[in-house]
Structures are given as structure tokens and as C-alpha cells.
Protein backbone atom coordinates (compact mmCIF):
# COMPACT_ATOMS: atom_id res chain seq x y z
CA UNK A 1 3.75 -14.29 89.30
CA UNK A 2 2.84 -10.72 90.17
CA UNK A 3 -0.79 -11.14 89.11
CA UNK A 4 -1.22 -14.75 90.12
CA UNK A 5 -1.60 -16.01 86.57
CA UNK A 6 1.10 -18.72 86.75
CA UNK A 7 0.73 -19.62 90.43
CA UNK A 8 -1.82 -22.40 89.95
CA UNK A 9 0.42 -24.33 87.59
CA UNK A 10 3.39 -24.07 89.96
CA UNK A 11 1.36 -25.17 92.97
CA UNK A 12 -0.31 -27.95 91.02
CA UNK A 13 3.11 -29.44 90.27
CA UNK A 14 4.54 -28.70 93.75
CA UNK A 15 1.72 -30.57 95.47
CA UNK A 16 1.83 -33.68 93.28
CA UNK A 17 -0.93 -32.61 90.91
CA UNK A 18 -4.12 -34.65 91.05
CA UNK A 19 -2.78 -36.89 93.82
CA UNK A 20 -2.12 -34.06 96.27
CA UNK A 21 -4.70 -31.52 95.16
CA UNK A 22 -7.31 -33.36 93.17
CA UNK A 23 -8.38 -32.16 89.77
CA UNK A 24 -9.31 -28.52 89.11
CA UNK A 25 -13.03 -27.92 89.76
CA UNK A 26 -13.10 -24.27 88.70
CA UNK A 27 -11.33 -21.77 86.54
CA UNK A 28 -9.81 -18.72 88.21
CA UNK A 29 -12.39 -16.35 89.69
CA UNK A 30 -12.54 -13.57 92.28
CA UNK A 31 -13.68 -14.63 95.76
CA UNK A 32 -13.58 -12.18 98.67
CA UNK A 33 -11.49 -9.83 96.52
CA UNK A 34 -8.77 -12.40 95.70
CA UNK A 35 -7.99 -14.38 92.56
CA UNK A 36 -9.07 -17.89 93.54
CA UNK A 37 -9.02 -21.35 91.97
CA UNK A 38 -10.53 -24.47 93.49
CA UNK A 39 -9.14 -27.96 93.18
CA UNK A 40 -11.05 -30.92 94.59
CA UNK A 41 -9.00 -30.93 97.80
CA UNK A 42 -7.59 -27.40 98.07
CA UNK A 43 -8.59 -23.88 97.15
CA UNK A 44 -5.83 -21.41 96.24
CA UNK A 45 -6.04 -17.66 96.77
CA UNK A 46 -3.52 -15.19 95.36
CA UNK A 47 -2.75 -12.56 98.00
CA UNK A 48 -1.24 -9.65 96.02
CA UNK A 49 -0.55 -7.59 99.16
CA UNK A 50 1.84 -10.35 100.29
CA UNK A 51 2.92 -11.70 96.89
CA UNK A 52 1.88 -15.18 98.11
CA UNK A 53 -0.63 -17.89 97.48
CA UNK A 54 -2.62 -19.00 100.50
CA UNK A 55 -4.92 -21.94 100.94
CA UNK A 56 -8.49 -20.92 101.67
CA UNK A 57 -9.91 -22.32 104.91
CA UNK A 58 -12.79 -23.80 102.91
CA UNK A 59 -14.78 -25.22 105.83
CA UNK A 60 -14.40 -21.93 107.72
CA UNK A 61 -15.66 -20.10 104.62
CA UNK A 62 -18.65 -22.46 104.42
CA UNK A 63 -19.36 -21.73 108.10
CA UNK A 64 -19.15 -17.98 107.42
CA UNK A 65 -21.69 -18.40 104.58
CA UNK A 66 -24.16 -20.23 106.86
CA UNK A 67 -23.68 -23.72 105.41
CA UNK A 68 -23.13 -25.67 108.65
CA UNK A 69 -26.65 -27.15 108.64
CA UNK A 70 -26.21 -28.44 105.07
CA UNK A 71 -22.83 -29.93 105.97
CA UNK A 72 -24.31 -31.64 109.03
CA UNK A 73 -27.37 -33.06 107.26
CA UNK A 74 -25.84 -34.06 103.93
CA UNK A 75 -22.16 -34.71 104.75
CA UNK A 76 -22.11 -35.68 108.45
CA UNK A 77 -19.84 -32.73 109.21
CA UNK A 78 -20.23 -31.31 112.73
CA UNK A 79 -20.56 -27.61 113.34
CA UNK A 80 -17.35 -25.90 114.50
CA UNK A 81 -16.83 -25.44 118.22
CA UNK A 82 -16.68 -21.98 119.77
CA UNK A 83 -13.20 -20.49 119.37
CA UNK A 84 -13.51 -18.08 122.31
CA UNK A 85 -11.09 -20.25 124.37
CA UNK A 86 -8.37 -19.35 121.81
CA UNK A 87 -8.45 -15.71 122.92
CA UNK A 88 -5.22 -14.65 124.58
CA UNK A 89 -3.36 -17.84 123.65
CA UNK A 90 -0.09 -17.87 121.72
CA UNK A 91 -0.11 -19.49 118.27
CA UNK A 92 1.62 -22.55 119.70
CA UNK A 93 -1.07 -22.86 122.39
CA UNK A 94 -3.85 -22.52 119.80
CA UNK A 95 -2.25 -25.25 117.68
CA UNK A 96 -1.88 -27.50 120.72
CA UNK A 97 -5.48 -26.94 121.81
CA UNK A 98 -6.91 -27.65 118.38
CA UNK A 99 -4.65 -30.60 117.58
CA UNK A 100 -5.67 -32.02 120.97
CA UNK A 101 -9.07 -32.70 119.39
CA UNK A 102 -7.35 -35.41 117.36
CA UNK A 103 -6.98 -37.45 120.56
CA UNK A 104 -10.65 -38.34 120.14
CA UNK A 105 -9.78 -40.81 117.36
CA UNK A 106 -6.35 -42.40 116.90
CA UNK A 107 -6.96 -43.44 113.26
CA UNK A 108 -7.88 -39.88 112.26
CA UNK A 109 -4.95 -38.55 114.28
CA UNK A 110 -2.60 -40.88 112.39
CA UNK A 111 -4.07 -39.80 109.02
CA UNK A 112 -3.73 -36.11 109.91
CA UNK A 113 -0.12 -36.38 111.08
CA UNK A 114 0.85 -38.68 108.18
CA UNK A 115 0.86 -35.53 106.05
CA UNK A 116 4.20 -33.70 105.84
CA UNK A 117 2.52 -30.36 106.68
CA UNK A 118 -0.96 -31.04 108.10
CA UNK A 119 -1.63 -27.43 109.14
CA UNK A 120 -0.88 -26.17 105.62
CA UNK A 121 -2.93 -28.88 103.95
CA UNK A 122 -5.81 -29.48 106.36
CA UNK A 123 -5.77 -26.50 108.71
CA UNK A 124 -6.45 -26.93 112.40
CA UNK A 125 -9.16 -29.24 113.75
CA UNK A 126 -12.21 -27.21 114.81
CA UNK A 127 -14.71 -29.84 116.04
CA UNK A 128 -15.56 -33.52 116.31
CA UNK A 129 -18.65 -35.69 116.70
CA UNK A 130 -19.86 -39.26 116.68
CA UNK A 131 -22.20 -39.40 113.70
CA UNK A 132 -23.46 -42.97 114.24
CA UNK A 133 -21.81 -44.88 111.40
CA UNK A 134 -18.71 -42.68 111.55
CA UNK A 135 -16.64 -40.52 113.86
CA UNK A 136 -15.82 -37.16 112.27
CA UNK A 137 -13.21 -34.50 112.93
CA UNK A 138 -13.74 -31.24 111.06
CA UNK A 139 -10.70 -29.13 110.24
CA UNK A 140 -10.46 -25.77 108.52
CA UNK A 141 -9.75 -27.23 105.06
CA UNK A 142 -10.84 -30.87 105.29
CA UNK A 143 -13.07 -33.25 107.18
CA UNK A 144 -11.85 -36.65 108.38
CA UNK A 145 -14.32 -39.52 108.71
CA UNK A 146 -13.49 -42.74 110.52
CA UNK A 147 -15.98 -45.37 109.38
CA UNK A 148 -17.40 -47.64 112.07
CA UNK A 149 -19.15 -49.79 109.47
CA UNK A 150 -18.77 -50.52 105.78
CA UNK A 151 -20.18 -47.90 103.41
CA UNK A 152 -20.06 -47.99 99.60
CA UNK A 153 -16.95 -45.75 99.48
CA UNK A 154 -15.02 -47.05 102.52
CA UNK A 155 -14.56 -50.12 104.68
CA UNK A 156 -15.04 -50.28 108.43
CA UNK A 157 -11.94 -48.87 110.16
CA UNK A 158 -10.87 -46.69 107.21
CA UNK A 159 -10.44 -42.93 107.34
CA UNK A 160 -11.64 -40.85 104.41
CA UNK A 161 -10.94 -37.18 103.85
CA UNK A 162 -13.67 -34.96 102.42
CA UNK A 163 -12.51 -32.74 99.57
CA UNK A 164 -13.26 -29.15 100.60
CA UNK A 165 -12.93 -27.54 97.15
CA UNK A 166 -15.15 -30.10 95.44
CA UNK A 167 -17.68 -30.01 98.27
CA UNK A 168 -17.97 -26.22 98.06
CA UNK A 169 -18.48 -26.54 94.31
CA UNK A 170 -21.23 -29.12 94.89
CA UNK A 171 -22.93 -26.64 97.21
CA UNK A 172 -22.79 -23.92 94.55
CA UNK A 173 -20.37 -21.74 96.52
CA UNK A 174 -18.26 -20.74 93.51
CA UNK A 175 -19.54 -18.25 90.93
CA UNK A 176 -21.18 -19.76 87.86
CA UNK A 177 -18.68 -18.15 85.48
CA UNK A 178 -15.78 -19.86 87.28
CA UNK A 179 -17.44 -23.22 87.84
CA UNK A 180 -16.31 -24.84 84.60
CA UNK A 181 -12.77 -26.09 85.10
CA UNK A 182 -10.12 -25.90 82.46
CA UNK A 183 -7.68 -28.71 81.77
CA UNK A 184 -4.98 -29.40 84.37
CA UNK A 185 -1.53 -27.93 83.74
CA UNK A 186 0.83 -30.07 81.65
CA UNK A 187 3.23 -32.34 83.55
CA UNK A 188 6.68 -30.85 84.20
């Protein structure tokens, strides 16, 4: 595991493969100096200085690359709120403040906390907005949409979760040489 070569296969199996992560959408590539691989729902980064794999905060990375307008116009994803109020807070206070945004929509809150480790999988909520036909809460790694009317992919009252890795691929955020995925790892 020292160079990250076998990490993707282990994580793919640990997180229930396509069910938990979605299918691979890229091969391994270097992003911000780290070996990276995107799945539909998650993006892995090998952190050699720590000997660990971290999940990329995909929606934060899209913000950093100036993609908030695209997300708003094409995916009804609100811009992140200012994080200045987090300054000087303990980690527990930051978590509480951000997870408090979930109180804006009980169905999204239930979907978020239905996950065994929502911070690891979705990150912290960073904003919310009423988008007309849906109410949306943006997190660091996913976006939750509560549908107020039927749409082709969801019924009124359902919550859907946008796939950060696949969305970033759709936007062309991954390098062309890594954009062709290989086959998923074999089942254990």
C-alpha cells in the first residue's frame, strides 16, 4: 500500500463496491500532487505523508476551481456559505454548526444521518437553498435534493444525492488521460 496502488481495490470492497461508491469514472491520476481516483460518488486521494487514503471534498474542490455558477445553473446546487463564523470554534462546534443546516429539511436530515458515517461519506453541510422544484443542501462531498414535485428521476417527497465524482467528471475536472475508467476490481 505504500504507493497507493492497491488502495482503490481495498476501499472499493470496504464501501460495498458500486452500491456504496458507484462505478469508477476515472483511472488513477495525479490531482493536487496526490494519486487520485474518482468513483461516481466518492473521490479517493492517497496521502503518502500520512500513509492514508482520504476522500476528496469534491464540492469544495469545485468551488476552489470557480465552478459554483455552473453548479447553480445546471445542477441546482447553491453556492457555499461563508465559513468565517467557523473561526475560533472547536471541531465539535464546527460540526454542530454545519450539521445544524440540516434542520432546514427533515427528509434530507434523515437521509444524511441514515449513513453510518455521514461526515466521512458526505462531508459537512456548507449551504442550503430553495430552488423552486427542490430544496437543496450542499455538503463537501455530496448534494442532497428534496423534490417538491415529480421529476423524471425522482418522485415528489424523495431525496436524491448528487454523485460528486461523476459530476466533476461531467464538468471536465479530471485530466483527459485519467478520464477513461478501467474495470472495477473483482469481487472478494
